[in-house]
Amino acid sequence: MAEARLGRRGVVAVSGDDAADFLQGLVTADIEQLAVGGTAFGALLTPQGKILFDFIVHRQGDTYLIDLPAEATGALIKRLGFYKLRSQVEIADVSGDFTVLVDPDPGASPADPRLAALGARRLVAGGDAGLADGTGLYDRTRIDLGIAESWRDFATGEVFPHEANFDSLHGVNLSKGCYVGQEVVSRMHHRGSARKRYLSCRIDGEAPEAGAQITADDRAVGVTGSAAGAQVLALLRLDRISLCGKTQLWPKMQSWAQPDHRQGDE
C-alpha cells in the first residue's frame, strides 16, 4: 500500500547539549538507547503515574522529534518548560516543518515502534507533497488491533500506562533509571495490578461516543474509546469481561497482549 500523511499530528523538537539526559529523566522510553534514525514509543506521566502525553520519539542526529496529537503540542511544550530548569535544551513546535507518514502494510518499514502490524511510520521534512490523509485507515487499523491513543480514546491524566497496554507495546522501559511516575509504573507491573485494559471490541449497533459508560446488570464494566465501523475500543474491567455480551459488546483478545487480558469474571 502507498504511504499517506497522518493528519492531526504535531511535532515538538527537543535539542541541545542536554537533550538526551533531559528526556531520559522524564519519559517512560529509554532515550539513551535510541539510535540515530530510530523511533521509540513512550509517554510523559503525572507524578501519580497517569498518562499526560503519549507519543512517538524520532531521533534525528542529536535532536529528538516528538510526534503527538496536534492539540497537545502547546501543553507538552509548557510542561517540558516546567522541568527545564538549568538544562541546556531548546524546546520548539516544529509541526510546520515535518509531516508524519504512515503505511498500513504490516510488512512496511520502518515499522511502528509499538507493533509491526500497525505498518510503517516515519517523519519527513516539509509538507505533505500532495499525499492523501490516511488518518481514517490508520484509525481503523489501530482500533482493530486494540491500540488506544490520548485525545482520541482517553483524556490526559486519566489512564495508567498498563491500562493502555504500554507494557505490551514497548512503551515503558522497566530497567532504565527514574522518570516521572516511575514508582507507580514499576509497582503496577510487578504486582500485576492493572484491573482494566483497553481492548478492541465488536459492537452490535451504532457505536457510542468516546467516554460512554458501559454497564451490565447494574455493574460498571468499562468506558468506550474511539470507534471505526463495527469496532470500538473500550477500557474494560478484566474481571467483568464475561458481562460484555449483555452490552452487545464482544472483546477481541489480541495475540500480542499480556496474559492478564484473558482473565474472566471473578
Protein backbone atom coordinates (compact mmCIF):
# COMPACT_ATOMS: atom_id res chain seq x y z
CA MET A 1 0.00 0.00 0.00
CA ALA A 2 1.09 3.58 -0.60
CA GLU A 3 2.21 5.96 2.11
CA ALA A 4 -0.22 8.58 3.32
CA ARG A 5 0.12 11.53 5.64
CA LEU A 6 -1.26 11.31 9.13
CA GLY A 7 -3.29 14.41 9.84
CA ARG A 8 -3.92 15.90 13.28
CA ARG A 9 -0.33 15.25 14.40
CA GLY A 10 2.08 17.83 15.74
CA VAL A 11 5.84 17.69 16.23
CA VAL A 12 7.87 19.11 19.13
CA ALA A 13 11.67 19.29 18.83
CA VAL A 14 13.94 18.88 21.85
CA SER A 15 17.57 19.71 21.09
CA GLY A 16 20.71 20.97 22.79
CA ASP A 17 23.62 19.52 24.76
CA ASP A 18 21.40 18.10 27.49
CA ALA A 19 18.52 16.87 25.30
CA ALA A 20 19.06 13.13 25.82
CA ASP A 21 19.62 13.39 29.59
CA PHE A 22 16.68 15.78 29.92
CA LEU A 23 14.23 13.42 28.23
CA GLN A 24 15.73 10.32 29.84
CA GLY A 25 14.81 11.63 33.29
CA LEU A 26 11.24 12.45 32.29
CA VAL A 27 9.70 9.93 29.90
CA THR A 28 8.92 6.21 30.02
CA ALA A 29 11.04 5.31 26.95
CA ASP A 30 14.78 4.64 27.14
CA ILE A 31 16.11 7.65 25.25
CA GLU A 32 19.76 6.79 25.91
CA GLN A 33 19.39 3.58 23.89
CA LEU A 34 17.63 5.25 20.95
CA ALA A 35 19.87 5.13 17.90
CA VAL A 36 20.10 7.91 15.32
CA GLY A 37 17.25 7.35 12.87
CA GLY A 38 15.37 5.20 15.39
CA THR A 39 11.94 5.60 16.97
CA ALA A 40 10.54 4.82 20.40
CA PHE A 41 7.07 4.80 21.90
CA GLY A 42 6.66 6.45 25.29
CA ALA A 43 4.86 8.92 27.49
CA LEU A 44 5.25 11.72 29.98
CA LEU A 45 3.32 10.85 33.12
CA THR A 46 1.92 12.64 36.12
CA PRO A 47 3.77 12.06 39.41
CA GLN A 48 0.87 9.69 40.21
CA GLY A 49 1.78 7.59 37.17
CA LYS A 50 -1.03 8.50 34.75
CA ILE A 51 -0.51 9.42 31.10
CA LEU A 52 -0.29 13.14 30.34
CA PHE A 53 1.13 12.78 26.81
CA ASP A 54 1.77 9.66 24.74
CA PHE A 55 3.97 9.97 21.67
CA ILE A 56 6.49 8.53 19.22
CA VAL A 57 10.05 9.89 19.58
CA HIS A 58 12.09 10.10 16.37
CA ARG A 59 15.81 10.71 16.77
CA GLN A 60 17.44 12.80 14.05
CA GLY A 61 21.08 13.37 14.98
CA ASP A 62 21.11 14.96 18.41
CA THR A 63 17.57 16.29 18.03
CA TYR A 64 14.57 14.38 19.36
CA LEU A 65 11.34 14.96 17.46
CA ILE A 66 8.20 14.12 19.44
CA ASP A 67 5.27 13.09 17.25
CA LEU A 68 1.97 13.55 19.16
CA PRO A 69 -1.61 14.81 18.71
CA ALA A 70 -1.58 18.33 17.30
CA GLU A 71 -3.91 19.51 20.06
CA ALA A 72 -1.32 18.55 22.68
CA THR A 73 1.77 20.32 21.32
CA GLY A 74 1.34 23.56 23.25
CA ALA A 75 0.61 21.77 26.52
CA LEU A 76 3.64 19.50 26.09
CA ILE A 77 5.96 22.45 25.42
CA LYS A 78 4.64 24.17 28.55
CA ARG A 79 5.10 21.01 30.63
CA LEU A 80 8.62 20.37 29.38
CA GLY A 81 9.46 24.01 30.11
CA PHE A 82 8.35 23.44 33.69
CA TYR A 83 11.02 20.72 34.05
CA LYS A 84 13.73 22.53 32.07
CA LEU A 85 15.34 24.48 34.95
CA ARG A 86 19.05 24.87 34.04
CA SER A 87 19.16 22.13 31.40
CA GLN A 88 20.82 23.16 28.14
CA VAL A 89 17.87 22.31 25.92
CA GLU A 90 15.72 24.06 23.36
CA ILE A 91 12.06 23.12 23.02
CA ALA A 92 10.10 24.22 19.96
CA ASP A 93 6.93 23.50 18.00
CA VAL A 94 8.15 22.40 14.55
CA SER A 95 4.86 20.97 13.32
CA GLY A 96 5.01 23.10 10.19
CA ASP A 97 8.42 21.68 9.27
CA PHE A 98 7.55 17.98 9.32
CA THR A 99 4.89 15.55 8.12
CA VAL A 100 4.07 12.18 9.72
CA LEU A 101 3.78 9.46 7.08
CA VAL A 102 2.21 6.03 7.61
CA ASP A 103 1.92 2.90 5.50
CA PRO A 104 -0.66 0.40 6.85
CA ASP A 105 1.05 -2.60 5.25
CA PRO A 106 2.21 -4.80 8.19
CA GLY A 107 5.42 -5.60 6.30
CA ALA A 108 6.32 -1.97 5.60
CA SER A 109 9.45 -0.37 7.01
CA PRO A 110 10.43 1.40 9.24
CA ALA A 111 7.94 -0.37 11.49
CA ASP A 112 5.87 1.50 14.05
CA PRO A 113 7.74 1.02 17.37
CA ARG A 114 4.59 -0.18 19.12
CA LEU A 115 3.59 -3.04 16.85
CA ALA A 116 4.70 -4.14 13.38
CA ALA A 117 1.08 -4.88 12.49
CA LEU A 118 0.46 -1.12 12.51
CA GLY A 119 2.72 -0.82 9.47
CA ALA A 120 5.37 1.82 8.88
CA ARG A 121 5.69 5.26 10.42
CA ARG A 122 8.24 7.99 9.70
CA LEU A 123 8.76 11.74 9.80
CA VAL A 124 9.79 13.65 6.71
CA ALA A 125 10.82 17.27 6.39
CA GLY A 126 8.46 19.58 4.56
CA GLY A 127 4.80 19.49 3.61
CA ASP A 128 2.53 16.65 2.64
CA ALA A 129 3.71 16.56 -1.01
CA GLY A 130 0.13 16.09 -2.17
CA LEU A 131 -0.32 12.81 -0.28
CA ALA A 132 -3.80 11.81 0.84
CA ASP A 133 -4.71 11.91 4.53
CA GLY A 134 -4.53 8.32 5.80
CA THR A 135 -6.00 9.01 9.24
CA GLY A 136 -9.20 7.06 8.58
CA LEU A 137 -7.45 3.86 7.54
CA TYR A 138 -4.86 4.24 10.28
CA ASP A 139 -7.59 4.59 12.91
CA ARG A 140 -9.44 1.53 11.63
CA THR A 141 -6.22 -0.47 11.85
CA ARG A 142 -5.24 0.63 15.36
CA ILE A 143 -8.79 0.22 16.72
CA ASP A 144 -8.96 -3.30 15.28
CA LEU A 145 -5.59 -4.03 16.93
CA GLY A 146 -6.71 -2.62 20.29
CA ILE A 147 -4.28 0.31 20.46
CA ALA A 148 -5.57 3.35 22.33
CA GLU A 149 -4.25 6.88 21.97
CA SER A 150 -4.74 10.03 24.03
CA TRP A 151 -7.05 12.75 22.72
CA ARG A 152 -8.94 10.04 20.81
CA ASP A 153 -9.66 7.39 23.43
CA PHE A 154 -8.86 8.94 26.79
CA ALA A 155 -8.20 12.34 28.32
CA THR A 156 -4.83 13.28 29.74
CA GLY A 157 -4.21 12.36 33.36
CA GLU A 158 -6.91 9.66 33.45
CA VAL A 159 -5.26 6.37 32.41
CA PHE A 160 -2.28 4.39 33.68
CA PRO A 161 0.26 3.11 31.09
CA HIS A 162 -0.58 -0.54 31.82
CA GLU A 163 -4.27 0.17 31.19
CA ALA A 164 -3.30 1.48 27.74
CA ASN A 165 -1.15 -1.66 27.19
CA PHE A 166 2.18 0.18 27.24
CA ASP A 167 3.79 -2.91 28.77
CA SER A 168 2.89 -4.92 25.65
CA LEU A 169 3.64 -2.10 23.19
CA HIS A 170 7.22 -1.29 24.27
CA GLY A 171 6.01 1.94 25.86
CA VAL A 172 7.62 1.53 29.29
CA ASN A 173 11.21 0.54 29.95
CA LEU A 174 11.34 -1.22 33.30
CA SER A 175 15.14 -1.35 33.55
CA LYS A 176 16.03 2.32 32.97
CA GLY A 177 16.54 4.81 35.78
CA CYS A 178 13.99 7.09 37.38
CA TYR A 179 11.47 9.17 35.47
CA VAL A 180 8.26 10.94 36.42
CA GLY A 181 5.74 8.37 37.69
CA GLN A 182 8.25 5.50 37.54
CA GLU A 183 7.49 4.11 41.00
CA VAL A 184 3.80 3.67 40.21
CA VAL A 185 4.55 2.02 36.85
CA SER A 186 7.02 -0.39 38.46
CA ARG A 187 4.59 -1.26 41.26
CA MET A 188 1.73 -1.99 38.86
CA HIS A 189 3.97 -4.14 36.70
CA HIS A 190 5.43 -6.26 39.47
CA ARG A 191 2.14 -6.65 41.32
CA GLY A 192 0.16 -7.33 38.15
CA SER A 193 -2.38 -4.85 39.45
CA ALA A 194 -3.84 -3.45 36.20
CA ARG A 195 -7.53 -4.16 36.75
CA LYS A 196 -8.57 -2.55 33.44
CA ARG A 197 -7.20 -2.75 29.90
CA TYR A 198 -8.10 -1.30 26.51
CA LEU A 199 -9.46 -3.97 24.19
CA SER A 200 -10.84 -3.88 20.69
CA CYS A 201 -14.50 -4.88 20.66
CA ARG A 202 -17.09 -5.72 18.05
CA ILE A 203 -20.24 -3.76 18.73
CA ASP A 204 -23.79 -4.62 17.78
CA GLY A 205 -25.47 -1.44 16.58
CA GLU A 206 -24.34 2.16 16.41
CA ALA A 207 -21.11 2.93 18.26
CA PRO A 208 -21.45 5.38 21.16
CA GLU A 209 -19.36 8.50 21.56
CA ALA A 210 -16.00 8.10 23.26
CA GLY A 211 -16.34 8.28 27.03
CA ALA A 212 -19.69 6.46 27.23
CA GLN A 213 -20.11 4.29 30.31
CA ILE A 214 -20.59 0.55 29.78
CA THR A 215 -22.81 -1.19 32.33
CA ALA A 216 -24.41 -4.61 32.65
CA ASP A 217 -26.69 -5.87 35.44
CA ASP A 218 -26.19 -2.50 37.14
CA ARG A 219 -22.45 -3.13 37.31
CA ALA A 220 -19.79 -0.90 35.75
CA VAL A 221 -17.95 -2.78 33.02
CA GLY A 222 -15.91 -0.05 31.36
CA VAL A 223 -15.88 3.03 29.17
CA THR A 224 -15.74 3.42 25.40
CA GLY A 225 -12.97 4.97 23.33
CA SER A 226 -12.97 5.77 19.61
CA ALA A 227 -14.80 3.66 17.04
CA ALA A 228 -14.48 2.68 13.40
CA GLY A 229 -17.32 0.82 11.74
CA ALA A 230 -18.39 -2.10 13.92
CA GLN A 231 -15.23 -1.94 16.04
CA VAL A 232 -14.81 0.17 19.17
CA LEU A 233 -12.04 0.46 21.73
CA ALA A 234 -13.11 0.07 25.33
CA LEU A 235 -11.32 0.29 28.66
CA LEU A 236 -12.78 -2.80 30.34
CA ARG A 237 -12.69 -4.27 33.82
CA LEU A 238 -10.81 -7.53 33.30
CA ASP A 239 -12.82 -9.32 35.98
CA ARG A 240 -16.11 -8.40 34.27
CA ILE A 241 -15.39 -9.22 30.65
CA SER A 242 -17.92 -12.08 30.79
CA LEU A 243 -20.67 -9.47 31.22
CA CYS A 244 -19.85 -7.75 27.93
CA GLY A 245 -22.21 -9.92 25.88
CA LYS A 246 -25.11 -8.36 27.76
CA THR A 247 -23.98 -4.97 26.49
CA GLN A 248 -23.82 -6.08 22.81
CA LEU A 249 -20.04 -5.68 23.07
CA TRP A 250 -17.67 -8.53 22.25
CA PRO A 251 -13.99 -8.05 23.17
CA LYS A 252 -11.28 -9.46 20.92
CA MET A 253 -8.23 -10.90 22.66
CA GLN A 254 -5.07 -9.83 20.84
CA SER A 255 -2.16 -12.22 20.30
CA TRP A 256 0.30 -9.51 21.41
CA ALA A 257 -1.49 -8.76 24.68
CA GLN A 258 -0.26 -9.55 28.17
CA PRO A 259 -1.78 -12.70 29.73
CA ASP A 260 -3.97 -10.78 32.17
CA HIS A 261 -6.10 -9.63 29.22
CA ARG A 262 -7.58 -13.09 29.29
CA GLN A 263 -8.89 -13.03 32.83
CA GLY A 264 -12.53 -13.90 33.23
CA ASP A 265 -15.21 -12.71 35.62
CA GLU A 266 -14.41 -13.24 39.29
